[in-house]
N, C-alpha and C. Protein backbone atom coordinates (compact mmCIF):
# COMPACT_ATOMS: atom_id res chain seq x y z
N UNK A 1 9.53 -1.63 7.07
CA UNK A 1 10.74 -2.16 6.43
C UNK A 1 11.26 -1.20 5.47
N UNK A 2 12.86 -1.22 5.47
CA UNK A 2 13.34 -0.02 4.54
C UNK A 2 13.51 -0.82 3.11
N UNK A 3 13.44 0.22 2.38
CA UNK A 3 13.39 -0.24 0.77
C UNK A 3 14.41 -1.21 0.41
N UNK A 4 15.50 -0.95 0.90
CA UNK A 4 16.96 -1.52 0.45
C UNK A 4 16.79 -3.06 0.94
N UNK A 5 16.23 -3.42 2.24
CA UNK A 5 16.36 -4.60 2.94
C UNK A 5 14.93 -5.16 1.85
N UNK A 6 14.15 -4.88 1.75
CA UNK A 6 13.27 -5.43 0.73
C UNK A 6 13.71 -5.81 -0.33
N UNK A 7 14.30 -4.97 -1.14
CA UNK A 7 14.94 -5.38 -2.51
C UNK A 7 15.94 -6.35 -2.44
N UNK A 8 16.24 -6.46 -1.62
CA UNK A 8 17.38 -7.48 -1.28
C UNK A 8 16.76 -8.24 -1.08
N UNK A 9 15.65 -9.03 -0.36
CA UNK A 9 15.09 -9.95 0.06
C UNK A 9 14.37 -10.44 -1.41
N UNK A 10 13.73 -9.27 -2.16
CA UNK A 10 13.28 -9.74 -3.71
C UNK A 10 14.30 -10.38 -4.27
N UNK A 11 15.51 -9.79 -4.26
CA UNK A 11 16.60 -10.20 -4.94
C UNK A 11 16.98 -11.43 -4.94
N UNK A 12 16.88 -12.01 -3.84
CA UNK A 12 17.35 -13.19 -3.08
C UNK A 12 16.21 -14.21 -3.45
N UNK A 13 14.93 -14.20 -3.28
CA UNK A 13 14.06 -14.88 -4.00
C UNK A 13 14.05 -14.92 -5.64
N UNK A 14 14.10 -13.84 -6.21
CA UNK A 14 13.93 -13.94 -7.73
C UNK A 14 15.28 -15.29 -8.02
N UNK A 15 16.56 -14.69 -7.17
CA UNK A 15 17.50 -15.54 -7.60
C UNK A 15 17.17 -17.04 -7.39
N UNK A 16 16.66 -17.57 -6.49
CA UNK A 16 16.25 -18.79 -6.33
C UNK A 16 15.29 -19.20 -7.39
N UNK A 17 14.42 -18.37 -7.70
CA UNK A 17 13.40 -18.85 -8.96
C UNK A 17 14.16 -18.73 -10.37
N UNK A 18 15.31 -18.06 -10.53
CA UNK A 18 15.64 -18.25 -11.74
C UNK A 18 16.51 -19.34 -11.56
N UNK A 19 17.47 -19.56 -10.70
CA UNK A 19 18.09 -20.97 -10.84
C UNK A 19 17.12 -22.07 -10.77
N UNK A 20 16.16 -22.10 -10.25
CA UNK A 20 15.05 -23.42 -10.55
C UNK A 20 14.51 -23.34 -11.84
N UNK A 21 14.53 -22.09 -12.73
CA UNK A 21 13.70 -22.16 -14.03
C UNK A 21 14.75 -22.62 -15.04
N UNK A 22 16.19 -22.05 -14.67
CA UNK A 22 16.84 -22.49 -15.68
C UNK A 22 17.43 -23.77 -16.02
N UNK A 23 17.13 -24.77 -15.21
CA UNK A 23 17.26 -25.95 -15.68
C UNK A 23 16.30 -26.37 -16.50
N UNK A 24 14.91 -25.92 -16.67
CA UNK A 24 14.24 -26.35 -17.48
C UNK A 24 14.48 -25.41 -18.78
N UNK A 25 15.27 -24.39 -18.85
CA UNK A 25 15.42 -23.67 -20.07
C UNK A 25 13.73 -22.58 -19.91
N UNK A 26 13.27 -22.15 -18.90
CA UNK A 26 12.35 -20.99 -18.89
C UNK A 26 12.68 -20.26 -18.22
N UNK A 27 11.91 -19.04 -18.78
CA UNK A 27 12.24 -17.73 -18.01
C UNK A 27 11.07 -17.03 -17.21
N UNK A 28 11.21 -16.11 -16.36
CA UNK A 28 9.93 -15.68 -15.64
C UNK A 28 10.74 -14.53 -15.35
N UNK A 29 9.43 -13.36 -15.56
CA UNK A 29 9.87 -11.74 -14.93
C UNK A 29 9.45 -11.58 -13.86
N UNK A 30 8.70 -12.62 -13.41
CA UNK A 30 8.05 -12.56 -12.04
C UNK A 30 9.04 -12.54 -10.99
N UNK A 31 8.90 -11.22 -9.52
CA UNK A 31 9.65 -11.00 -8.91
C UNK A 31 8.68 -10.88 -7.55
N UNK A 32 8.96 -12.17 -6.55
CA UNK A 32 8.29 -12.10 -5.41
C UNK A 32 9.01 -11.15 -4.25
N UNK A 33 8.38 -10.38 -3.72
CA UNK A 33 8.99 -9.94 -2.31
C UNK A 33 7.61 -9.66 -1.13
N UNK A 34 8.32 -9.12 0.15
CA UNK A 34 7.36 -9.31 1.19
C UNK A 34 7.97 -7.72 2.16
N UNK A 35 6.89 -7.51 2.71
CA UNK A 35 7.35 -6.46 3.82
C UNK A 35 6.41 -6.70 5.23
N UNK A 36 6.93 -6.22 6.29
CA UNK A 36 6.23 -6.33 7.52
C UNK A 36 5.80 -4.98 8.29
N UNK A 37 4.64 -5.10 8.59
CA UNK A 37 4.16 -3.94 9.12
C UNK A 37 4.16 -4.22 11.00
N UNK A 38 4.71 -4.01 11.72
CA UNK A 38 4.48 -4.38 13.21
C UNK A 38 3.38 -3.21 13.73
N UNK A 39 2.62 -3.84 14.84
CA UNK A 39 1.47 -3.26 15.07
C UNK A 39 1.61 -3.55 16.74
N UNK A 40 1.19 -2.49 17.62
CA UNK A 40 0.84 -2.45 19.05
C UNK A 40 -0.98 -3.00 19.14
N UNK A 41 -0.91 -3.40 20.24
CA UNK A 41 -2.34 -3.55 20.53
C UNK A 41 -3.15 -2.25 20.27
N UNK A 42 -4.39 -2.48 19.76
CA UNK A 42 -5.36 -1.40 19.46
C UNK A 42 -4.60 -0.21 18.93
N UNK A 43 -3.66 -0.47 18.20
CA UNK A 43 -3.11 0.27 17.42
C UNK A 43 -3.77 0.74 16.07
N UNK A 44 -4.31 2.04 15.51
CA UNK A 44 -4.97 2.25 14.56
C UNK A 44 -3.88 2.63 13.54
N UNK A 45 -3.74 1.99 12.26
CA UNK A 45 -2.76 2.61 11.54
C UNK A 45 -3.41 2.53 10.04
N UNK A 46 -2.79 3.32 8.70
CA UNK A 46 -3.43 3.37 7.79
C UNK A 46 -2.22 2.72 6.84
N UNK A 47 -2.77 1.46 6.35
CA UNK A 47 -1.95 0.55 5.50
C UNK A 47 -2.65 0.22 4.25
N UNK A 48 -1.41 -0.02 3.40
CA UNK A 48 -1.88 -0.18 2.21
C UNK A 48 -1.33 -1.88 1.68
N UNK A 49 -1.85 -2.00 0.40
CA UNK A 49 -1.01 -3.43 -0.35
C UNK A 49 -0.22 -2.58 -1.19
N UNK A 50 0.93 -3.36 -1.31
CA UNK A 50 1.88 -2.86 -2.30
C UNK A 50 2.39 -4.16 -3.31
N UNK A 51 1.88 -5.00 -2.91
CA UNK A 51 2.40 -6.50 -3.69
C UNK A 51 0.98 -7.19 -4.22
N UNK A 52 0.95 -7.54 -5.39
CA UNK A 52 0.32 -8.30 -6.01
C UNK A 52 0.13 -9.58 -6.00
N UNK A 53 -1.34 -10.31 -5.31
CA UNK A 53 -1.24 -11.63 -4.84
C UNK A 53 -2.41 -12.29 -5.96
N UNK A 54 -2.60 -13.59 -5.60
CA UNK A 54 -3.37 -14.43 -6.77
C UNK A 54 -5.02 -14.06 -6.47
N UNK A 55 -5.04 -13.22 -5.33
CA UNK A 55 -6.42 -13.03 -4.79
C UNK A 55 -6.40 -11.57 -3.93
N UNK A 56 -6.28 -10.41 -4.70
CA UNK A 56 -6.10 -9.16 -4.50
C UNK A 56 -7.04 -8.43 -3.75
N UNK A 57 -7.91 -9.39 -2.65
CA UNK A 57 -8.94 -8.79 -1.68
C UNK A 57 -8.63 -8.80 -0.64
N UNK A 58 -9.34 -8.51 0.97
CA UNK A 58 -8.84 -8.37 2.06
C UNK A 58 -8.56 -9.87 2.42
N UNK A 59 -9.34 -10.84 2.08
CA UNK A 59 -9.39 -12.22 2.59
C UNK A 59 -8.18 -12.85 2.03
N UNK A 60 -7.46 -12.35 0.88
CA UNK A 60 -6.24 -12.62 -0.05
C UNK A 60 -4.98 -12.43 0.32
N UNK A 61 -5.26 -10.82 0.63
CA UNK A 61 -3.97 -10.00 1.38
C UNK A 61 -3.77 -10.33 2.59
N UNK A 62 -4.74 -10.10 3.39
CA UNK A 62 -4.24 -10.51 4.93
C UNK A 62 -5.25 -11.45 5.45
N UNK A 63 -5.01 -12.72 5.11
CA UNK A 63 -5.91 -14.01 5.54
C UNK A 63 -5.57 -14.64 7.09
N UNK A 64 -4.63 -14.25 7.65
CA UNK A 64 -4.93 -14.66 8.93
C UNK A 64 -4.31 -13.87 10.36
N UNK A 65 -5.31 -12.64 10.15
CA UNK A 65 -4.88 -11.44 11.18
C UNK A 65 -5.12 -12.11 12.78
N UNK A 66 -4.84 -11.28 13.64
CA UNK A 66 -5.60 -11.90 15.26
C UNK A 66 -6.76 -11.84 15.01
N UNK A 67 -7.79 -12.98 15.61
CA UNK A 67 -8.91 -12.63 15.84
C UNK A 67 -9.46 -11.63 16.35
N UNK A 68 -10.41 -10.97 15.76
CA UNK A 68 -11.49 -9.80 16.09
C UNK A 68 -10.45 -8.55 15.76
N UNK A 69 -9.54 -8.64 14.60
CA UNK A 69 -8.76 -7.48 14.02
C UNK A 69 -10.16 -6.86 13.38
N UNK A 70 -9.78 -5.78 12.83
CA UNK A 70 -10.81 -4.84 12.13
C UNK A 70 -10.30 -3.97 11.26
N UNK A 71 -10.89 -3.84 9.80
CA UNK A 71 -10.42 -3.37 8.75
C UNK A 71 -11.42 -2.36 8.05
N UNK A 72 -11.26 -1.06 7.81
CA UNK A 72 -12.24 0.08 7.60
C UNK A 72 -11.60 0.22 6.05
N UNK A 73 -12.59 0.13 5.21
CA UNK A 73 -12.27 0.40 3.67
C UNK A 73 -13.39 1.84 3.49
N UNK A 74 -12.68 2.73 2.74
CA UNK A 74 -13.10 4.06 2.49
C UNK A 74 -13.95 3.99 1.21
N UNK A 75 -15.10 4.24 0.67
CA UNK A 75 -15.53 4.86 -0.26
C UNK A 75 -16.73 5.73 -0.23
N UNK A 76 -16.19 6.85 -0.06
CA UNK A 76 -17.24 7.94 0.28
C UNK A 76 -17.92 7.63 1.78
N UNK A 77 -17.15 7.24 2.35
CA UNK A 77 -17.58 6.48 3.66
C UNK A 77 -17.16 5.22 4.04
N UNK A 78 -16.94 4.97 5.47
CA UNK A 78 -16.12 3.86 6.00
C UNK A 78 -17.23 2.39 6.02
N UNK A 79 -16.66 1.46 5.68
CA UNK A 79 -17.33 0.05 5.70
C UNK A 79 -16.11 -0.67 6.40
N UNK A 80 -17.00 -1.06 7.55
CA UNK A 80 -16.22 -2.01 8.51
C UNK A 80 -16.17 -3.60 8.64
N UNK A 81 -14.74 -4.22 8.71
CA UNK A 81 -14.91 -5.58 8.38
C UNK A 81 -14.17 -6.14 9.61
N UNK A 82 -14.60 -7.37 10.00
CA UNK A 82 -13.60 -8.02 11.26
C UNK A 82 -13.46 -9.05 11.21
N UNK A 83 -12.32 -9.64 11.51
CA UNK A 83 -11.91 -11.14 11.57
C UNK A 83 -12.38 -11.69 12.73
N UNK A 84 -13.59 -12.94 12.03
CA UNK A 84 -14.26 -13.38 13.08
C UNK A 84 -13.56 -14.41 14.03
N UNK A 85 -14.19 -14.44 15.51
CA UNK A 85 -12.91 -15.27 16.23
C UNK A 85 -13.27 -16.58 15.96
N UNK A 86 -14.51 -17.29 15.66
CA UNK A 86 -15.18 -18.40 15.31
C UNK A 86 -14.78 -19.06 14.00
N UNK A 87 -15.27 -18.34 13.07
CA UNK A 87 -15.32 -18.47 11.41
C UNK A 87 -13.77 -18.56 11.30
N UNK A 88 -12.68 -17.66 11.77
CA UNK A 88 -11.49 -17.36 11.17
C UNK A 88 -11.74 -16.89 9.81
N UNK A 89 -12.83 -16.08 9.60
CA UNK A 89 -12.85 -15.27 8.24
C UNK A 89 -13.25 -13.98 8.48
N UNK A 90 -13.16 -13.21 7.36
CA UNK A 90 -13.61 -11.53 7.30
C UNK A 90 -14.99 -11.60 7.30
N UNK A 91 -15.69 -10.73 8.17
CA UNK A 91 -17.14 -10.57 8.05
C UNK A 91 -17.33 -9.17 7.85
N UNK A 92 -18.32 -8.94 7.06
CA UNK A 92 -19.44 -9.69 6.13
C UNK A 92 -19.07 -10.28 5.13
N UNK A 93 -18.13 -9.99 4.62
CA UNK A 93 -17.18 -10.68 3.26
C UNK A 93 -15.44 -10.16 3.28
N UNK A 94 -14.83 -11.85 2.71
CA UNK A 94 -13.32 -11.38 2.32
C UNK A 94 -13.23 -10.86 1.31
N UNK A 95 -14.33 -10.67 0.44
CA UNK A 95 -13.54 -10.31 -0.98
C UNK A 95 -13.86 -8.95 -1.36
N UNK A 96 -13.77 -7.93 -0.45
CA UNK A 96 -13.72 -6.27 -0.64
C UNK A 96 -12.10 -6.54 -1.40
N UNK A 97 -12.25 -5.27 -2.35
CA UNK A 97 -11.05 -5.44 -3.01
C UNK A 97 -10.11 -4.74 -2.13
N UNK A 98 -8.68 -5.35 -2.37
CA UNK A 98 -7.28 -4.41 -1.37
C UNK A 98 -6.55 -4.86 -2.73
N UNK A 99 -6.37 -4.20 -3.72
CA UNK A 99 -5.59 -4.21 -4.73
C UNK A 99 -4.10 -3.59 -4.53
N UNK A 100 -3.12 -3.81 -5.15
CA UNK A 100 -2.12 -2.89 -5.20
C UNK A 100 -2.59 -1.49 -5.50
N UNK A 101 -1.92 -0.40 -4.57
CA UNK A 101 -2.36 0.69 -4.88
C UNK A 101 -3.56 1.33 -3.67
N UNK A 102 -4.15 0.21 -3.11
CA UNK A 102 -5.30 0.58 -2.18
C UNK A 102 -5.25 0.23 -0.68
N UNK A 103 -5.84 0.88 0.00
CA UNK A 103 -5.38 0.69 1.46
C UNK A 103 -6.84 0.88 2.33
N UNK A 104 -6.58 0.77 3.46
CA UNK A 104 -7.40 1.32 4.51
C UNK A 104 -6.65 1.27 6.06
N UNK A 105 -7.93 1.33 7.25
CA UNK A 105 -7.46 1.39 8.43
C UNK A 105 -7.45 0.15 8.80
N UNK A 106 -6.60 -0.60 9.79
CA UNK A 106 -6.51 -1.63 10.52
C UNK A 106 -6.19 -1.35 11.94
N UNK A 107 -6.76 -2.40 12.91
CA UNK A 107 -6.70 -2.34 14.15
C UNK A 107 -6.74 -4.09 14.82
N UNK A 108 -5.68 -4.16 15.31
CA UNK A 108 -5.31 -5.35 16.13
C UNK A 108 -5.81 -5.21 17.20
N UNK A 109 -6.53 -6.44 18.26
CA UNK A 109 -6.71 -6.30 19.30
C UNK A 109 -5.54 -6.61 20.17
N UNK A 110 -4.22 -7.38 19.75
CA UNK A 110 -2.98 -7.78 20.31
C UNK A 110 -2.04 -7.22 19.52
N UNK A 111 -1.04 -7.14 19.83
CA UNK A 111 0.25 -7.02 19.47
C UNK A 111 0.75 -7.98 18.37
N UNK A 112 0.98 -7.73 17.21
CA UNK A 112 1.13 -8.56 16.21
C UNK A 112 2.10 -7.87 15.17
N UNK A 113 2.35 -8.73 13.91
CA UNK A 113 3.05 -8.11 12.86
C UNK A 113 2.37 -8.79 11.91
N UNK A 114 2.10 -7.79 10.80
CA UNK A 114 1.36 -8.27 9.52
C UNK A 114 2.55 -8.64 8.26
N UNK A 115 2.49 -9.41 7.75
CA UNK A 115 3.54 -10.05 6.50
C UNK A 115 2.91 -10.02 5.38
N UNK A 116 2.91 -9.09 4.53
CA UNK A 116 2.55 -8.89 3.04
C UNK A 116 3.47 -9.60 2.10
N UNK A 117 3.07 -10.54 1.45
CA UNK A 117 3.66 -11.24 0.53
C UNK A 117 2.90 -11.48 -1.04
N UNK A 118 4.08 -11.09 -1.93
CA UNK A 118 3.17 -11.30 -3.36
C UNK A 118 4.40 -10.56 -4.58
N UNK A 119 3.64 -10.41 -5.19
CA UNK A 119 4.50 -10.06 -6.77
C UNK A 119 4.87 -8.63 -6.55
N UNK A 120 6.05 -8.29 -6.73
CA UNK A 120 6.33 -6.88 -7.10
C UNK A 120 6.19 -6.76 -8.58
N UNK A 121 5.07 -5.43 -8.71
CA UNK A 121 4.52 -5.16 -10.25
C UNK A 121 5.70 -4.48 -10.48
N UNK A 122 5.78 -4.69 -12.38
CA UNK A 122 6.72 -3.92 -12.86
C UNK A 122 5.91 -3.53 -14.15
N UNK A 123 6.88 -2.45 -14.58
CA UNK A 123 6.25 -2.03 -15.91
C UNK A 123 5.69 -0.58 -15.78
N UNK A 124 4.44 -0.22 -16.49
CA UNK A 124 3.68 0.90 -16.28
C UNK A 124 2.61 0.94 -15.44
N UNK A 125 2.52 1.30 -14.12
CA UNK A 125 1.54 1.16 -12.94
C UNK A 125 0.82 2.21 -12.71
N UNK A 126 -0.05 1.87 -13.00
CA UNK A 126 -1.49 3.29 -12.97
C UNK A 126 -2.31 3.44 -11.62
N UNK A 127 -2.69 4.32 -10.85
CA UNK A 127 -3.27 4.32 -9.90
C UNK A 127 -4.28 5.65 -10.18
N UNK A 128 -5.36 5.94 -10.03
CA UNK A 128 -6.08 6.83 -10.23
C UNK A 128 -6.17 7.84 -9.07
N UNK A 129 -6.50 9.57 -9.37
CA UNK A 129 -6.68 10.49 -8.23
C UNK A 129 -7.55 11.25 -9.01
N UNK A 130 -8.96 10.89 -8.33
CA UNK A 130 -10.17 11.51 -9.09
C UNK A 130 -10.31 13.13 -8.53
N UNK A 131 -11.00 13.99 -9.25
CA UNK A 131 -11.05 15.29 -8.86
C UNK A 131 -11.82 15.46 -7.54
N UNK A 132 -11.47 16.22 -6.81
CA UNK A 132 -12.21 16.27 -5.37
C UNK A 132 -13.07 15.35 -4.65
N UNK A 133 -12.19 14.38 -4.61
CA UNK A 133 -12.97 13.00 -4.07
C UNK A 133 -11.84 12.39 -3.06
N UNK A 134 -12.29 12.39 -1.92
CA UNK A 134 -11.35 11.99 -0.82
C UNK A 134 -11.24 10.37 -1.10
N UNK A 135 -9.91 9.96 -1.30
CA UNK A 135 -9.48 8.42 -1.55
C UNK A 135 -8.37 8.20 -0.56
N UNK A 136 -8.33 6.79 -0.31
CA UNK A 136 -7.02 6.28 0.00
C UNK A 136 -6.35 5.64 -0.95
N UNK A 137 -4.90 5.95 -0.65
CA UNK A 137 -4.22 5.44 -1.76
C UNK A 137 -2.75 5.29 -1.41
N UNK A 138 -1.91 4.22 -1.89
CA UNK A 138 -0.75 3.92 -1.30
C UNK A 138 0.30 3.65 -2.71
N UNK A 139 1.47 3.63 -2.57
CA UNK A 139 2.13 3.57 -3.63
C UNK A 139 2.11 2.20 -4.32
N UNK A 140 2.34 2.05 -5.68
CA UNK A 140 1.87 0.54 -6.22
C UNK A 140 3.14 -0.58 -6.14
N UNK A 141 4.20 0.37 -5.74
CA UNK A 141 5.77 -0.01 -5.68
C UNK A 141 6.26 -0.13 -4.06
N UNK A 142 6.56 -1.54 -3.49
CA UNK A 142 6.92 -1.46 -2.19
C UNK A 142 8.23 -0.56 -1.89
N UNK A 143 8.15 0.72 -1.79
CA UNK A 143 9.43 1.50 -1.61
C UNK A 143 8.88 2.79 -0.53
N UNK A 144 9.93 3.08 0.38
CA UNK A 144 9.82 4.22 1.31
C UNK A 144 10.58 5.68 0.19
N UNK A 145 9.83 6.64 0.99
CA UNK A 145 10.50 7.94 0.63
C UNK A 145 9.60 8.94 0.22
N UNK A 146 9.99 10.00 -0.24
CA UNK A 146 9.41 11.03 -0.72
C UNK A 146 8.19 10.99 -1.52
N UNK A 147 7.09 11.59 -1.03
CA UNK A 147 5.95 11.01 -2.08
C UNK A 147 5.83 11.51 -3.49
N UNK A 148 6.73 12.58 -3.85
CA UNK A 148 6.66 12.93 -5.44
C UNK A 148 8.02 13.05 -5.81
N UNK A 149 8.96 13.38 -5.25
CA UNK A 149 10.25 12.99 -5.60
C UNK A 149 10.60 11.60 -5.66
N UNK A 150 10.56 10.61 -4.94
CA UNK A 150 10.90 9.29 -4.91
C UNK A 150 9.83 8.41 -5.52
N UNK A 151 8.71 8.47 -5.20
CA UNK A 151 7.46 7.81 -5.32
C UNK A 151 6.68 8.15 -6.68
N UNK A 152 7.04 9.42 -7.15
CA UNK A 152 6.31 9.85 -8.39
C UNK A 152 4.93 10.16 -8.42
N UNK A 153 4.67 10.55 -7.15
CA UNK A 153 3.14 11.06 -7.22
C UNK A 153 2.85 12.60 -7.64
N UNK A 154 2.03 12.66 -8.86
CA UNK A 154 1.81 13.98 -9.76
C UNK A 154 1.14 15.03 -8.94
N UNK A 155 1.80 15.78 -7.82
CA UNK A 155 0.97 16.45 -7.02
C UNK A 155 0.80 17.93 -7.86
N UNK A 156 -0.68 18.61 -7.66
CA UNK A 156 -0.90 19.76 -8.50
C UNK A 156 -1.14 20.71 -7.13
N UNK A 157 -1.37 21.89 -7.69
CA UNK A 157 -1.92 22.71 -7.23
C UNK A 157 -2.83 22.84 -6.02
N UNK A 158 -2.93 22.72 -4.80
CA UNK A 158 -3.97 22.93 -3.71
C UNK A 158 -4.08 21.57 -3.35
N UNK A 159 -3.33 20.40 -4.06
CA UNK A 159 -3.68 19.07 -3.64
C UNK A 159 -3.52 19.11 -2.04
N UNK A 160 -4.14 17.93 -1.30
CA UNK A 160 -4.16 17.87 0.15
C UNK A 160 -3.88 16.33 0.09
N UNK A 161 -2.90 15.99 1.38
CA UNK A 161 -2.17 14.25 1.43
C UNK A 161 -2.67 14.52 3.08
N UNK A 162 -2.99 13.39 3.37
CA UNK A 162 -3.22 13.43 5.05
C UNK A 162 -2.83 12.06 5.35
N UNK A 163 -1.47 11.32 5.75
CA UNK A 163 -1.25 10.11 6.47
C UNK A 163 -1.67 10.14 7.73
N UNK A 164 -1.47 9.17 8.41
CA UNK A 164 -2.01 8.85 9.98
C UNK A 164 -1.03 8.22 10.59
N UNK A 165 0.06 8.59 10.90
CA UNK A 165 1.31 8.01 11.66
C UNK A 165 0.73 8.23 13.36
N UNK A 166 -0.15 7.69 13.59
CA UNK A 166 -0.84 8.05 15.36
C UNK A 166 -1.56 9.01 15.32
N UNK A 167 -2.01 9.55 14.00
CA UNK A 167 -3.13 10.85 14.08
C UNK A 167 -2.80 11.47 12.70
N UNK A 168 -3.90 12.12 12.24
CA UNK A 168 -3.76 12.80 10.95
C UNK A 168 -2.81 14.03 10.79
N UNK A 169 -1.65 14.20 10.00
CA UNK A 169 -0.88 15.13 9.35
C UNK A 169 -1.30 15.74 8.11
N UNK A 170 -1.64 17.09 8.07
CA UNK A 170 -2.08 17.49 6.97
C UNK A 170 -0.66 18.33 6.18
N UNK A 171 -0.76 17.81 4.73
CA UNK A 171 0.11 18.38 3.77
C UNK A 171 -0.58 19.07 2.81
N UNK A 172 -0.10 20.19 1.97
CA UNK A 172 -0.76 20.70 1.01
C UNK A 172 0.10 21.03 -0.27
N UNK A 173 -0.18 20.92 -1.37
CA UNK A 173 0.63 21.53 -2.45
C UNK A 173 0.32 22.73 -2.74
N UNK A 174 1.55 23.68 -2.46
CA UNK A 174 1.43 25.08 -2.27
C UNK A 174 1.25 25.43 -3.88
N UNK A 175 -0.04 26.54 -4.21
CA UNK A 175 -0.27 26.89 -5.42
C UNK A 175 0.48 27.82 -6.10
N UNK A 176 1.43 28.64 -5.03
CA UNK A 176 2.47 29.69 -5.56
C UNK A 176 3.89 28.92 -5.68
N UNK A 177 4.16 28.42 -4.57
CA UNK A 177 5.74 27.93 -4.92
C UNK A 177 5.80 26.59 -5.32
N UNK A 178 4.72 25.78 -5.73
CA UNK A 178 4.58 24.57 -6.43
C UNK A 178 5.51 23.60 -5.55
N UNK A 179 5.44 23.59 -4.21
CA UNK A 179 6.03 22.62 -3.59
C UNK A 179 5.33 22.36 -2.47
N UNK A 180 5.66 20.97 -1.55
CA UNK A 180 4.74 20.30 -0.66
C UNK A 180 4.98 21.19 0.75
N UNK A 181 3.67 21.48 1.27
CA UNK A 181 3.86 22.44 2.80
C UNK A 181 3.14 21.61 3.68
N UNK A 182 3.89 21.82 4.96
CA UNK A 182 5.13 22.38 5.56
C UNK A 182 6.47 21.89 5.01
N UNK A 183 6.27 20.56 4.41
CA UNK A 183 7.21 19.86 3.63
C UNK A 183 6.93 18.68 2.90
N UNK A 184 7.65 18.08 2.13
CA UNK A 184 7.45 17.00 1.34
C UNK A 184 6.96 15.94 2.25
N UNK A 185 5.93 15.21 2.30
CA UNK A 185 5.66 13.86 3.40
C UNK A 185 6.28 12.75 2.82
N UNK A 186 7.00 11.83 4.11
CA UNK A 186 7.93 10.87 3.56
C UNK A 186 6.84 9.75 4.05
N UNK A 187 6.88 8.74 3.26
CA UNK A 187 6.00 7.43 3.42
C UNK A 187 6.93 6.22 3.52
N UNK A 188 6.39 5.48 4.67
CA UNK A 188 7.02 4.12 4.46
C UNK A 188 6.72 3.31 3.71
N UNK A 189 7.27 1.82 3.47
CA UNK A 189 6.48 1.07 2.96
C UNK A 189 5.61 0.71 3.83
N UNK A 190 4.30 0.20 2.85
CA UNK A 190 3.10 -0.52 3.43
C UNK A 190 2.36 0.91 3.88
N UNK A 191 2.80 1.91 3.94
CA UNK A 191 1.69 3.27 4.41
C UNK A 191 0.83 3.55 3.40
N UNK A 192 -0.18 3.73 3.88
CA UNK A 192 -1.31 4.74 3.13
C UNK A 192 -1.54 5.86 3.49
N UNK A 193 -2.43 6.75 2.61
CA UNK A 193 -2.84 7.96 3.07
C UNK A 193 -4.08 8.34 2.39
N UNK A 194 -4.80 9.63 2.93
CA UNK A 194 -5.81 10.05 2.19
C UNK A 194 -5.32 10.77 1.52
N UNK A 195 -5.91 11.17 -0.04
CA UNK A 195 -5.59 12.08 -0.75
C UNK A 195 -6.72 12.69 -1.51
N UNK A 196 -6.75 14.16 -1.60
CA UNK A 196 -7.58 14.84 -2.47
C UNK A 196 -7.12 15.69 -3.59
N UNK A 197 -7.55 15.57 -4.53
CA UNK A 197 -7.08 16.21 -5.68
C UNK A 197 -7.88 17.08 -6.02
N UNK A 198 -7.09 18.54 -6.18
CA UNK A 198 -8.10 19.74 -6.05
C UNK A 198 -8.21 20.02 -7.92
N UNK A 199 -7.44 19.65 -8.56
CA UNK A 199 -7.51 19.90 -10.12
C UNK A 199 -8.07 18.81 -10.77
N UNK A 200 -8.01 18.98 -12.22
CA UNK A 200 -8.78 18.00 -12.55
C UNK A 200 -8.21 16.54 -12.28
N UNK A 201 -8.99 15.40 -12.40
CA UNK A 201 -8.84 14.27 -12.23
C UNK A 201 -7.28 13.71 -12.96
N UNK A 202 -6.37 13.07 -12.63
CA UNK A 202 -5.28 12.37 -13.12
C UNK A 202 -4.92 10.90 -12.58
N UNK A 203 -3.79 10.57 -13.44
CA UNK A 203 -3.15 9.43 -12.77
C UNK A 203 -2.13 9.34 -12.03
N UNK A 204 -1.67 8.54 -11.21
CA UNK A 204 -0.48 8.40 -10.43
C UNK A 204 0.54 7.02 -11.10
N UNK A 205 1.31 7.50 -12.15
CA UNK A 205 1.62 6.65 -13.16
C UNK A 205 3.12 6.41 -12.69
N UNK A 206 3.41 5.08 -12.61
CA UNK A 206 5.06 4.82 -12.09
C UNK A 206 5.56 3.75 -13.29
N UNK A 207 6.78 3.96 -13.46
CA UNK A 207 7.37 3.20 -14.35
C UNK A 207 8.58 2.62 -13.80
N UNK A 208 8.04 1.13 -13.16
CA UNK A 208 9.26 0.62 -12.12
C UNK A 208 9.62 -0.62 -12.89
N UNK A 209 10.97 -1.09 -12.42
CA UNK A 209 11.71 -2.16 -12.82
C UNK A 209 12.58 -2.63 -11.72
N UNK A 210 12.27 -3.84 -11.20
CA UNK A 210 13.42 -4.03 -10.46
C UNK A 210 14.87 -4.52 -10.92
N UNK A 211 15.92 -3.69 -10.42
CA UNK A 211 17.10 -3.87 -11.14
C UNK A 211 18.03 -4.89 -10.41
C-alpha cells in the first residue's frame, strides 16, 4: 500500500477519534492505521510489522491467517511456526515477538491478503543494528521509500542489505563512495530485509510525527 494512501487512512481514522474525544474534552495523540500485503498461493515473502498492537506477538499481529500458513522467525537460525488447521492457532506458540521493526518470512497455502492494523508509533523510535550479526529488520514507520534517504537507516561502510522480492537481492554500502551499490534499495510498506552491520553496533533511530 502506498504511503500517501496509508496516511490518508490514518488521518481519516484519527479524525473520527478526535471528533469522539472532543465531546468529552479529552485528547489522544494515538493514531491508528493499517496496511495490506497481498499474497499469491505459496508465495514466500519477507514481511515486517510496522504498527503497534496491544499484543506485539505473532498471534497478536497476524491472528487469523489461512490455515496451514507458515511463519519463519530468524535468530541466528530459523524457527518455524504454523497456523494449525484444527485449533486455528499458531503452533508451537503464538507468543513469539513480532514488535514494530521486526519481521520474518511468511507463506500462505492459498491466495490471501494480510491486513496489519495498529497504532502508528510517533516520537523517537529505535531499532538495533548489531555488529556482524545477520538480523531481519523493517521500518518502524509504515512508509515506502529509499532505505536511507527516506526511511533514515544509518548505513555504514560495507554494510549489506538483502530484501526478498521473489528472491534475494544484494545491496552494499560502498566504503569509498559512501553510497549504496548498485543503487539505493527501495522498500514497500510492510517489507522486511536481512541486514548485516559491518562496523560497530548502532541504532536505527527515526523521529516521526504524523502531520
